[in-house]
């Protein structure tokens, strides 16, 4: 009697642990698709900064020793100093628009 009861309990637990047929393959496909999306975002090389001046101060970047950069929405932005980077981080949309205007 004990062995029959133990068998039924074991069988019941094992059946709870398995998933419906096909669900594992679907989950694996979803995971692969998500992984590809993330890989594209991570491996996408940001656009180079097209200007030779700091967007915040207008100073030339070639003469700056403290030059810093950041990437925002796939675009590299370069600044003459850390305070300019802080100003950019407070309102990046403003400087994105300024970059677009400067490129026209």
PDB file of N, CA and C in Angstrom:
ATOM      1  N   UNK A   1       0.816  -1.183   0.000  1.00  0.00           N
ATOM      2  CA  UNK A   1       0.000   0.000   0.000  1.00  0.00           C
ATOM      3  C   UNK A   1       0.868   1.258   0.000  1.00  0.00           C
ATOM      4  N   UNK A   2       1.941   1.225   0.820  1.00  0.00           N
ATOM      5  CA  UNK A   2       2.815   2.380   0.889  1.00  0.00           C
ATOM      6  C   UNK A   2       3.500   2.637  -0.446  1.00  0.00           C
ATOM      7  N   UNK A   3       3.926   1.583  -1.110  1.00  0.00           N
ATOM      8  CA  UNK A   3       4.617   1.757  -2.388  1.00  0.00           C
ATOM      9  C   UNK A   3       3.670   2.314  -3.449  1.00  0.00           C
ATOM     10  N   UNK A   4       2.402   1.899  -3.438  1.00  0.00           N
ATOM     11  CA  UNK A   4       1.419   2.419  -4.387  1.00  0.00           C
ATOM     12  C   UNK A   4       1.173   3.901  -4.123  1.00  0.00           C
ATOM     13  N   UNK A   5       1.033   4.258  -2.867  1.00  0.00           N
ATOM     14  CA  UNK A   5       0.806   5.648  -2.496  1.00  0.00           C
ATOM     15  C   UNK A   5       2.019   6.505  -2.870  1.00  0.00           C
ATOM     16  N   UNK A   6       3.205   5.989  -2.617  1.00  0.00           N
ATOM     17  CA  UNK A   6       4.428   6.707  -2.965  1.00  0.00           C
ATOM     18  C   UNK A   6       4.536   6.881  -4.478  1.00  0.00           C
ATOM     19  N   UNK A   7       4.169   5.856  -5.237  1.00  0.00           N
ATOM     20  CA  UNK A   7       4.181   5.935  -6.692  1.00  0.00           C
ATOM     21  C   UNK A   7       3.220   7.010  -7.179  1.00  0.00           C
ATOM     22  N   UNK A   8       2.011   7.043  -6.638  1.00  0.00           N
ATOM     23  CA  UNK A   8       1.011   8.025  -7.066  1.00  0.00           C
ATOM     24  C   UNK A   8       1.450   9.454  -6.729  1.00  0.00           C
ATOM     25  N   UNK A   9       2.026   9.635  -5.572  1.00  0.00           N
ATOM     26  CA  UNK A   9       2.507  10.969  -5.189  1.00  0.00           C
ATOM     27  C   UNK A   9       3.646  11.403  -6.112  1.00  0.00           C
ATOM     28  N   UNK A  10       4.571  10.486  -6.383  1.00  0.00           N
ATOM     29  CA  UNK A  10       5.694  10.800  -7.270  1.00  0.00           C
ATOM     30  C   UNK A  10       5.205  11.135  -8.668  1.00  0.00           C
ATOM     31  N   UNK A  11       4.276  10.339  -9.180  1.00  0.00           N
ATOM     32  CA  UNK A  11       3.723  10.571 -10.513  1.00  0.00           C
ATOM     33  C   UNK A  11       3.013  11.925 -10.568  1.00  0.00           C
ATOM     34  N   UNK A  12       2.255  12.234  -9.535  1.00  0.00           N
ATOM     35  CA  UNK A  12       1.545  13.514  -9.480  1.00  0.00           C
ATOM     36  C   UNK A  12       2.501  14.695  -9.468  1.00  0.00           C
ATOM     37  N   UNK A  13       3.564  14.589  -8.696  1.00  0.00           N
ATOM     38  CA  UNK A  13       4.539  15.672  -8.641  1.00  0.00           C
ATOM     39  C   UNK A  13       5.273  15.847  -9.962  1.00  0.00           C
ATOM     40  N   UNK A  14       5.618  14.747 -10.593  1.00  0.00           N
ATOM     41  CA  UNK A  14       6.299  14.829 -11.882  1.00  0.00           C
ATOM     42  C   UNK A  14       5.408  15.429 -12.956  1.00  0.00           C
ATOM     43  N   UNK A  15       4.130  15.098 -12.924  1.00  0.00           N
ATOM     44  CA  UNK A  15       3.229  15.645 -13.938  1.00  0.00           C
ATOM     45  C   UNK A  15       3.020  17.139 -13.736  1.00  0.00           C
ATOM     46  N   UNK A  16       3.129  17.625 -12.524  1.00  0.00           N
ATOM     47  CA  UNK A  16       3.011  19.063 -12.257  1.00  0.00           C
ATOM     48  C   UNK A  16       4.246  19.815 -12.728  1.00  0.00           C
ATOM     49  N   UNK A  17       5.371  19.148 -12.727  1.00  0.00           N
ATOM     50  CA  UNK A  17       6.625  19.810 -13.071  1.00  0.00           C
ATOM     51  C   UNK A  17       6.807  19.982 -14.570  1.00  0.00           C
ATOM     52  N   UNK A  18       6.123  19.220 -15.389  1.00  0.00           N
ATOM     53  CA  UNK A  18       6.296  19.327 -16.832  1.00  0.00           C
ATOM     54  C   UNK A  18       5.318  20.336 -17.398  1.00  0.00           C
ATOM     55  N   UNK A  19       5.708  20.943 -18.498  1.00  0.00           N
ATOM     56  CA  UNK A  19       4.862  21.939 -19.156  1.00  0.00           C
ATOM     57  C   UNK A  19       4.127  21.281 -20.308  1.00  0.00           C
ATOM     58  N   UNK A  20       3.155  21.987 -20.813  1.00  0.00           N
ATOM     59  CA  UNK A  20       2.380  21.489 -21.944  1.00  0.00           C
ATOM     60  C   UNK A  20       3.291  21.365 -23.158  1.00  0.00           C
ATOM     61  N   UNK A  21       3.021  20.386 -24.030  1.00  0.00           N
ATOM     62  CA  UNK A  21       3.856  20.209 -25.213  1.00  0.00           C
ATOM     63  C   UNK A  21       3.856  21.472 -26.070  1.00  0.00           C
ATOM     64  N   UNK A  22       5.036  21.850 -26.529  1.00  0.00           N
ATOM     65  CA  UNK A  22       5.150  23.010 -27.397  1.00  0.00           C
ATOM     66  C   UNK A  22       5.393  24.311 -26.653  1.00  0.00           C
ATOM     67  N   UNK A  23       5.011  24.385 -25.387  1.00  0.00           N
ATOM     68  CA  UNK A  23       5.177  25.650 -24.668  1.00  0.00           C
ATOM     69  C   UNK A  23       6.651  25.957 -24.420  1.00  0.00           C
ATOM     70  N   UNK A  24       7.457  24.943 -24.242  1.00  0.00           N
ATOM     71  CA  UNK A  24       8.884  25.156 -24.031  1.00  0.00           C
ATOM     72  C   UNK A  24       9.527  25.698 -25.302  1.00  0.00           C
ATOM     73  N   UNK A  25       9.152  25.169 -26.437  1.00  0.00           N
ATOM     74  CA  UNK A  25       9.705  25.645 -27.703  1.00  0.00           C
ATOM     75  C   UNK A  25       9.280  27.087 -27.968  1.00  0.00           C
ATOM     76  N   UNK A  26       8.042  27.415 -27.660  1.00  0.00           N
ATOM     77  CA  UNK A  26       7.557  28.781 -27.861  1.00  0.00           C
ATOM     78  C   UNK A  26       8.287  29.752 -26.941  1.00  0.00           C
ATOM     79  N   UNK A  27       8.490  29.338 -25.709  1.00  0.00           N
ATOM     80  CA  UNK A  27       9.205  30.192 -24.756  1.00  0.00           C
ATOM     81  C   UNK A  27      10.650  30.389 -25.196  1.00  0.00           C
ATOM     82  N   UNK A  28      11.269  29.332 -25.705  1.00  0.00           N
ATOM     83  CA  UNK A  28      12.648  29.436 -26.180  1.00  0.00           C
ATOM     84  C   UNK A  28      12.736  30.371 -27.383  1.00  0.00           C
ATOM     85  N   UNK A  29      11.759  30.303 -28.284  1.00  0.00           N
ATOM     86  CA  UNK A  29      11.742  31.185 -29.447  1.00  0.00           C
ATOM     87  C   UNK A  29      11.581  32.641 -29.020  1.00  0.00           C
ATOM     88  N   UNK A  30      10.704  32.892 -28.039  1.00  0.00           N
ATOM     89  CA  UNK A  30      10.517  34.250 -27.524  1.00  0.00           C
ATOM     90  C   UNK A  30      11.805  34.771 -26.899  1.00  0.00           C
ATOM     91  N   UNK A  31      12.484  33.908 -26.156  1.00  0.00           N
ATOM     92  CA  UNK A  31      13.733  34.304 -25.512  1.00  0.00           C
ATOM     93  C   UNK A  31      14.791  34.643 -26.553  1.00  0.00           C
ATOM     94  N   UNK A  32      14.884  33.836 -27.610  1.00  0.00           N
ATOM     95  CA  UNK A  32      15.859  34.109 -28.667  1.00  0.00           C
ATOM     96  C   UNK A  32      15.556  35.431 -29.357  1.00  0.00           C
ATOM     97  N   UNK A  33      14.275  35.712 -29.620  1.00  0.00           N
ATOM     98  CA  UNK A  33      13.891  36.964 -30.266  1.00  0.00           C
ATOM     99  C   UNK A  33      14.245  38.156 -29.383  1.00  0.00           C
ATOM    100  N   UNK A  34      13.968  38.041 -28.094  1.00  0.00           N
ATOM    101  CA  UNK A  34      14.301  39.118 -27.161  1.00  0.00           C
ATOM    102  C   UNK A  34      15.809  39.328 -27.089  1.00  0.00           C
ATOM    103  N   UNK A  35      16.558  38.236 -27.091  1.00  0.00           N
ATOM    104  CA  UNK A  35      18.015  38.322 -27.036  1.00  0.00           C
ATOM    105  C   UNK A  35      18.554  39.032 -28.269  1.00  0.00           C
ATOM    106  N   UNK A  36      17.991  38.737 -29.444  1.00  0.00           N
ATOM    107  CA  UNK A  36      18.437  39.396 -30.671  1.00  0.00           C
ATOM    108  C   UNK A  36      18.164  40.897 -30.621  1.00  0.00           C
ATOM    109  N   UNK A  37      17.005  41.283 -30.095  1.00  0.00           N
ATOM    110  CA  UNK A  37      16.671  42.709 -29.996  1.00  0.00           C
ATOM    111  C   UNK A  37      17.655  43.434 -29.094  1.00  0.00           C
ATOM    112  N   UNK A  38      17.951  42.835 -27.961  1.00  0.00           N
ATOM    113  CA  UNK A  38      18.890  43.451 -27.018  1.00  0.00           C
ATOM    114  C   UNK A  38      20.281  43.514 -27.636  1.00  0.00           C
ATOM    115  N   UNK A  39      20.690  42.464 -28.316  1.00  0.00           N
ATOM    116  CA  UNK A  39      22.015  42.436 -28.933  1.00  0.00           C
ATOM    117  C   UNK A  39      22.148  43.533 -29.984  1.00  0.00           C
ATOM    118  N   UNK A  40      21.091  43.779 -30.753  1.00  0.00           N
ATOM    119  CA  UNK A  40      21.137  44.848 -31.750  1.00  0.00           C
ATOM    120  C   UNK A  40      21.311  46.198 -31.079  1.00  0.00           C
ATOM    121  N   UNK A  41      20.592  46.416 -29.977  1.00  0.00           N
ATOM    122  CA  UNK A  41      20.699  47.690 -29.274  1.00  0.00           C
ATOM    123  C   UNK A  41      22.091  47.875 -28.684  1.00  0.00           C
ATOM    124  N   UNK A  42      22.637  46.815 -28.118  1.00  0.00           N
ATOM    125  CA  UNK A  42      23.941  46.901 -27.474  1.00  0.00           C
ATOM    126  C   UNK A  42      25.048  47.041 -28.504  1.00  0.00           C
ATOM    127  N   UNK A  43      24.954  46.303 -29.598  1.00  0.00           N
ATOM    128  CA  UNK A  43      26.032  46.299 -30.575  1.00  0.00           C
ATOM    129  C   UNK A  43      25.937  47.448 -31.564  1.00  0.00           C
ATOM    130  N   UNK A  44      24.827  48.178 -31.577  1.00  0.00           N
ATOM    131  CA  UNK A  44      24.687  49.291 -32.498  1.00  0.00           C
ATOM    132  C   UNK A  44      25.714  50.363 -32.138  1.00  0.00           C
ATOM    133  N   UNK A  45      26.540  50.699 -33.091  1.00  0.00           N
ATOM    134  CA  UNK A  45      27.595  51.680 -32.851  1.00  0.00           C
ATOM    135  C   UNK A  45      26.977  53.079 -32.882  1.00  0.00           C
ATOM    136  N   UNK A  46      27.248  53.897 -31.870  1.00  0.00           N
ATOM    137  CA  UNK A  46      26.674  55.243 -31.856  1.00  0.00           C
ATOM    138  C   UNK A  46      27.253  56.106 -32.975  1.00  0.00           C
ATOM    139  N   UNK A  47      26.460  57.067 -33.422  1.00  0.00           N
ATOM    140  CA  UNK A  47      26.907  57.992 -34.463  1.00  0.00           C
ATOM    141  C   UNK A  47      27.997  58.894 -33.896  1.00  0.00           C
ATOM    142  N   UNK A  48      28.959  59.207 -34.730  1.00  0.00           N
ATOM    143  CA  UNK A  48      30.058  60.081 -34.315  1.00  0.00           C
ATOM    144  C   UNK A  48      29.549  61.512 -34.143  1.00  0.00           C
ATOM    145  N   UNK A  49      30.173  62.246 -33.262  1.00  0.00           N
ATOM    146  CA  UNK A  49      29.815  63.650 -33.039  1.00  0.00           C
ATOM    147  C   UNK A  49      30.295  64.459 -34.243  1.00  0.00           C
ATOM    148  N   UNK A  50      29.399  65.144 -34.944  1.00  0.00           N
ATOM    149  CA  UNK A  50      29.763  65.784 -36.205  1.00  0.00           C
ATOM    150  C   UNK A  50      30.361  67.190 -36.084  1.00  0.00           C
ATOM    151  N   UNK A  51      30.323  67.789 -34.904  1.00  0.00           N
ATOM    152  CA  UNK A  51      30.779  69.174 -34.759  1.00  0.00           C
ATOM    153  C   UNK A  51      32.174  69.244 -34.151  1.00  0.00           C
ATOM    154  N   UNK A  52      32.803  70.405 -34.297  1.00  0.00           N
ATOM    155  CA  UNK A  52      34.119  70.628 -33.694  1.00  0.00           C
ATOM    156  C   UNK A  52      34.016  71.600 -32.533  1.00  0.00           C
ATOM    157  N   UNK A  53      32.775  71.858 -32.098  1.00  0.00           N
ATOM    158  CA  UNK A  53      32.541  72.776 -30.987  1.00  0.00           C
ATOM    159  C   UNK A  53      31.645  72.127 -29.944  1.00  0.00           C
ATOM    160  N   UNK A  54      31.738  72.633 -28.732  1.00  0.00           N
ATOM    161  CA  UNK A  54      30.880  72.190 -27.630  1.00  0.00           C
ATOM    162  C   UNK A  54      29.500  72.803 -27.838  1.00  0.00           C
ATOM    163  N   UNK A  55      28.452  72.019 -27.747  1.00  0.00           N
ATOM    164  CA  UNK A  55      27.091  72.531 -27.924  1.00  0.00           C
ATOM    165  C   UNK A  55      26.676  73.485 -26.810  1.00  0.00           C
ATOM    166  N   UNK A  56      27.266  73.357 -25.647  1.00  0.00           N
ATOM    167  CA  UNK A  56      26.868  74.185 -24.506  1.00  0.00           C
ATOM    168  C   UNK A  56      27.537  75.558 -24.560  1.00  0.00           C
ATOM    169  N   UNK A  57      28.859  75.583 -24.748  1.00  0.00           N
ATOM    170  CA  UNK A  57      29.591  76.855 -24.706  1.00  0.00           C
ATOM    171  C   UNK A  57      29.923  77.415 -26.078  1.00  0.00           C
ATOM    172  N   UNK A  58      29.968  76.552 -27.082  1.00  0.00           N
ATOM    173  CA  UNK A  58      30.376  76.989 -28.412  1.00  0.00           C
ATOM    174  C   UNK A  58      31.885  77.009 -28.596  1.00  0.00           C
ATOM    175  N   UNK A  59      32.634  76.642 -27.565  1.00  0.00           N
ATOM    176  CA  UNK A  59      34.100  76.616 -27.645  1.00  0.00           C
ATOM    177  C   UNK A  59      34.567  75.456 -28.520  1.00  0.00           C
ATOM    178  N   UNK A  60      35.707  75.649 -29.183  1.00  0.00           N
ATOM    179  CA  UNK A  60      36.284  74.597 -30.007  1.00  0.00           C
ATOM    180  C   UNK A  60      36.753  73.427 -29.158  1.00  0.00           C
ATOM    181  N   UNK A  61      36.544  72.234 -29.657  1.00  0.00           N
ATOM    182  CA  UNK A  61      36.916  71.036 -28.895  1.00  0.00           C
ATOM    183  C   UNK A  61      38.372  70.633 -29.101  1.00  0.00           C
ATOM    184  N   UNK A  62      38.968  71.054 -30.200  1.00  0.00           N
ATOM    185  CA  UNK A  62      40.337  70.636 -30.495  1.00  0.00           C
ATOM    186  C   UNK A  62      41.338  71.159 -29.475  1.00  0.00           C
ATOM    187  N   UNK A  63      41.029  72.288 -28.851  1.00  0.00           N
ATOM    188  CA  UNK A  63      41.961  72.905 -27.908  1.00  0.00           C
ATOM    189  C   UNK A  63      41.737  72.466 -26.467  1.00  0.00           C
ATOM    190  N   UNK A  64      40.752  71.638 -26.223  1.00  0.00           N
ATOM    191  CA  UNK A  64      40.371  71.293 -24.853  1.00  0.00           C
ATOM    192  C   UNK A  64      41.091  70.042 -24.358  1.00  0.00           C
ATOM    193  N   UNK A  65      41.636  70.154 -23.147  1.00  0.00           N
ATOM    194  CA  UNK A  65      42.297  69.007 -22.519  1.00  0.00           C
ATOM    195  C   UNK A  65      41.303  68.155 -21.738  1.00  0.00           C
ATOM    196  N   UNK A  66      40.256  68.785 -21.225  1.00  0.00           N
ATOM    197  CA  UNK A  66      39.295  68.112 -20.345  1.00  0.00           C
ATOM    198  C   UNK A  66      38.085  67.569 -21.121  1.00  0.00           C
ATOM    199  N   UNK A  67      38.184  67.411 -22.364  1.00  0.00           N
ATOM    200  CA  UNK A  67      37.101  66.988 -23.250  1.00  0.00           C
ATOM    201  C   UNK A  67      36.421  65.716 -22.737  1.00  0.00           C
ATOM    202  N   UNK A  68      35.064  65.725 -22.698  1.00  0.00           N
ATOM    203  CA  UNK A  68      34.291  64.565 -22.247  1.00  0.00           C
ATOM    204  C   UNK A  68      33.202  64.268 -23.264  1.00  0.00           C
ATOM    205  N   UNK A  69      32.695  63.039 -23.243  1.00  0.00           N
ATOM    206  CA  UNK A  69      31.637  62.670 -24.187  1.00  0.00           C
ATOM    207  C   UNK A  69      30.631  61.745 -23.524  1.00  0.00           C
ATOM    208  N   UNK A  70      29.471  61.657 -24.164  1.00  0.00           N
ATOM    209  CA  UNK A  70      28.414  60.753 -23.727  1.00  0.00           C
ATOM    210  C   UNK A  70      27.639  60.312 -24.957  1.00  0.00           C
ATOM    211  N   UNK A  71      26.886  59.239 -24.818  1.00  0.00           N
ATOM    212  CA  UNK A  71      26.024  58.768 -25.902  1.00  0.00           C
ATOM    213  C   UNK A  71      24.591  58.897 -25.431  1.00  0.00           C
ATOM    214  N   UNK A  72      23.770  59.544 -26.257  1.00  0.00           N
ATOM    215  CA  UNK A  72      22.352  59.733 -25.946  1.00  0.00           C
ATOM    216  C   UNK A  72      21.552  59.358 -27.177  1.00  0.00           C
ATOM    217  N   UNK A  73      20.661  58.389 -27.033  1.00  0.00           N
ATOM    218  CA  UNK A  73      19.798  57.908 -28.120  1.00  0.00           C
ATOM    219  C   UNK A  73      20.591  57.584 -29.386  1.00  0.00           C
ATOM    220  N   UNK A  74      21.723  56.909 -29.218  1.00  0.00           N
ATOM    221  CA  UNK A  74      22.509  56.451 -30.361  1.00  0.00           C
ATOM    222  C   UNK A  74      23.405  57.510 -30.984  1.00  0.00           C
ATOM    223  N   UNK A  75      23.462  58.696 -30.397  1.00  0.00           N
ATOM    224  CA  UNK A  75      24.297  59.778 -30.908  1.00  0.00           C
ATOM    225  C   UNK A  75      25.350  60.138 -29.865  1.00  0.00           C
ATOM    226  N   UNK A  76      26.598  60.249 -30.302  1.00  0.00           N
ATOM    227  CA  UNK A  76      27.657  60.698 -29.409  1.00  0.00           C
ATOM    228  C   UNK A  76      27.620  62.220 -29.321  1.00  0.00           C
ATOM    229  N   UNK A  77      27.762  62.734 -28.112  1.00  0.00           N
ATOM    230  CA  UNK A  77      27.857  64.175 -27.875  1.00  0.00           C
ATOM    231  C   UNK A  77      29.174  64.432 -27.159  1.00  0.00           C
ATOM    232  N   UNK A  78      29.917  65.446 -27.620  1.00  0.00           N
ATOM    233  CA  UNK A  78      31.191  65.787 -26.999  1.00  0.00           C
ATOM    234  C   UNK A  78      31.111  67.189 -26.411  1.00  0.00           C
ATOM    235  N   UNK A  79      31.776  67.353 -25.267  1.00  0.00           N
ATOM    236  CA  UNK A  79      31.741  68.621 -24.545  1.00  0.00           C
ATOM    237  C   UNK A  79      33.148  69.016 -24.142  1.00  0.00           C
ATOM    238  N   UNK A  80      33.311  70.310 -23.878  1.00  0.00           N
ATOM    239  CA  UNK A  80      34.638  70.814 -23.526  1.00  0.00           C
ATOM    240  C   UNK A  80      35.013  70.493 -22.084  1.00  0.00           C
ATOM    241  N   UNK A  81      34.009  70.221 -21.226  1.00  0.00           N
ATOM    242  CA  UNK A  81      34.314  69.974 -19.813  1.00  0.00           C
ATOM    243  C   UNK A  81      33.153  69.240 -19.125  1.00  0.00           C
ATOM    244  N   UNK A  82      33.386  68.776 -17.915  1.00  0.00           N
ATOM    245  CA  UNK A  82      32.365  68.055 -17.150  1.00  0.00           C
ATOM    246  C   UNK A  82      31.152  68.920 -16.806  1.00  0.00           C
ATOM    247  N   UNK A  83      31.322  70.206 -16.463  1.00  0.00           N
ATOM    248  CA  UNK A  83      30.131  71.029 -16.205  1.00  0.00           C
ATOM    249  C   UNK A  83      29.184  71.111 -17.408  1.00  0.00           C
ATOM    250  N   UNK A  84      29.741  71.119 -18.608  1.00  0.00           N
ATOM    251  CA  UNK A  84      28.891  71.135 -19.805  1.00  0.00           C
ATOM    252  C   UNK A  84      28.127  69.818 -19.947  1.00  0.00           C
ATOM    253  N   UNK A  85      28.775  68.722 -19.605  1.00  0.00           N
ATOM    254  CA  UNK A  85      28.100  67.422 -19.626  1.00  0.00           C
ATOM    255  C   UNK A  85      26.946  67.417 -18.629  1.00  0.00           C
ATOM    256  N   UNK A  86      27.153  68.009 -17.454  1.00  0.00           N
ATOM    257  CA  UNK A  86      26.081  68.085 -16.455  1.00  0.00           C
ATOM    258  C   UNK A  86      24.909  68.904 -16.979  1.00  0.00           C
ATOM    259  N   UNK A  87      25.195  70.014 -17.661  1.00  0.00           N
ATOM    260  CA  UNK A  87      24.122  70.835 -18.245  1.00  0.00           C
ATOM    261  C   UNK A  87      23.360  70.032 -19.296  1.00  0.00           C
ATOM    262  N   UNK A  88      24.091  69.281 -20.103  1.00  0.00           N
ATOM    263  CA  UNK A  88      23.451  68.436 -21.116  1.00  0.00           C
ATOM    264  C   UNK A  88      22.524  67.422 -20.460  1.00  0.00           C
ATOM    265  N   UNK A  89      22.992  66.775 -19.411  1.00  0.00           N
ATOM    266  CA  UNK A  89      22.198  65.740 -18.740  1.00  0.00           C
ATOM    267  C   UNK A  89      20.928  66.292 -18.109  1.00  0.00           C
ATOM    268  N   UNK A  90      20.912  67.569 -17.758  1.00  0.00           N
ATOM    269  CA  UNK A  90      19.707  68.176 -17.185  1.00  0.00           C
ATOM    270  C   UNK A  90      18.614  68.367 -18.232  1.00  0.00           C
ATOM    271  N   UNK A  91      19.004  68.621 -19.490  1.00  0.00           N
ATOM    272  CA  UNK A  91      18.027  68.859 -20.551  1.00  0.00           C
ATOM    273  C   UNK A  91      18.582  68.390 -21.897  1.00  0.00           C
ATOM    274  N   UNK A  92      18.710  67.081 -22.093  1.00  0.00           N
ATOM    275  CA  UNK A  92      19.324  66.586 -23.330  1.00  0.00           C
ATOM    276  C   UNK A  92      18.529  66.926 -24.587  1.00  0.00           C
ATOM    277  N   UNK A  93      17.204  66.995 -24.466  1.00  0.00           N
ATOM    278  CA  UNK A  93      16.379  67.300 -25.638  1.00  0.00           C
ATOM    279  C   UNK A  93      16.746  68.627 -26.275  1.00  0.00           C
ATOM    280  N   UNK A  94      17.070  69.605 -25.457  1.00  0.00           N
ATOM    281  CA  UNK A  94      17.466  70.933 -25.946  1.00  0.00           C
ATOM    282  C   UNK A  94      18.692  70.816 -26.845  1.00  0.00           C
ATOM    283  N   UNK A  95      19.664  70.039 -26.411  1.00  0.00           N
ATOM    284  CA  UNK A  95      20.914  69.929 -27.155  1.00  0.00           C
ATOM    285  C   UNK A  95      20.787  69.003 -28.364  1.00  0.00           C
ATOM    286  N   UNK A  96      19.873  68.058 -28.306  1.00  0.00           N
ATOM    287  CA  UNK A  96      19.592  67.226 -29.485  1.00  0.00           C
ATOM    288  C   UNK A  96      19.060  68.124 -30.595  1.00  0.00           C
ATOM    289  N   UNK A  97      18.137  69.025 -30.243  1.00  0.00           N
ATOM    290  CA  UNK A  97      17.584  69.962 -31.228  1.00  0.00           C
ATOM    291  C   UNK A  97      18.665  70.901 -31.756  1.00  0.00           C
ATOM    292  N   UNK A  98      19.538  71.386 -30.879  1.00  0.00           N
ATOM    293  CA  UNK A  98      20.621  72.271 -31.312  1.00  0.00           C
ATOM    294  C   UNK A  98      21.562  71.556 -32.272  1.00  0.00           C
ATOM    295  N   UNK A  99      21.823  70.289 -32.016  1.00  0.00           N
ATOM    296  CA  UNK A  99      22.684  69.519 -32.916  1.00  0.00           C
ATOM    297  C   UNK A  99      22.022  69.374 -34.281  1.00  0.00           C
ATOM    298  N   UNK A 100      20.719  69.093 -34.287  1.00  0.00           N
ATOM    299  CA  UNK A 100      19.999  68.972 -35.563  1.00  0.00           C
ATOM    300  C   UNK A 100      20.067  70.274 -36.348  1.00  0.00           C
ATOM    301  N   UNK A 101      19.874  71.406 -35.667  1.00  0.00           N
ATOM    302  CA  UNK A 101      19.938  72.716 -36.334  1.00  0.00           C
ATOM    303  C   UNK A 101      21.335  72.982 -36.877  1.00  0.00           C
ATOM    304  N   UNK A 102      22.351  72.629 -36.119  1.00  0.00           N
ATOM    305  CA  UNK A 102      23.729  72.876 -36.535  1.00  0.00           C
ATOM    306  C   UNK A 102      24.117  72.037 -37.749  1.00  0.00           C
ATOM    307  N   UNK A 103      23.475  70.911 -37.926  1.00  0.00           N
ATOM    308  CA  UNK A 103      23.803  70.028 -39.051  1.00  0.00           C
ATOM    309  C   UNK A 103      23.099  70.440 -40.337  1.00  0.00           C
ATOM    310  N   UNK A 104      22.159  71.343 -40.259  1.00  0.00           N
ATOM    311  CA  UNK A 104      21.413  71.743 -41.470  1.00  0.00           C
ATOM    312  C   UNK A 104      22.163  72.754 -42.288  1.00  0.00           C
TER     313      UNK A 104
END
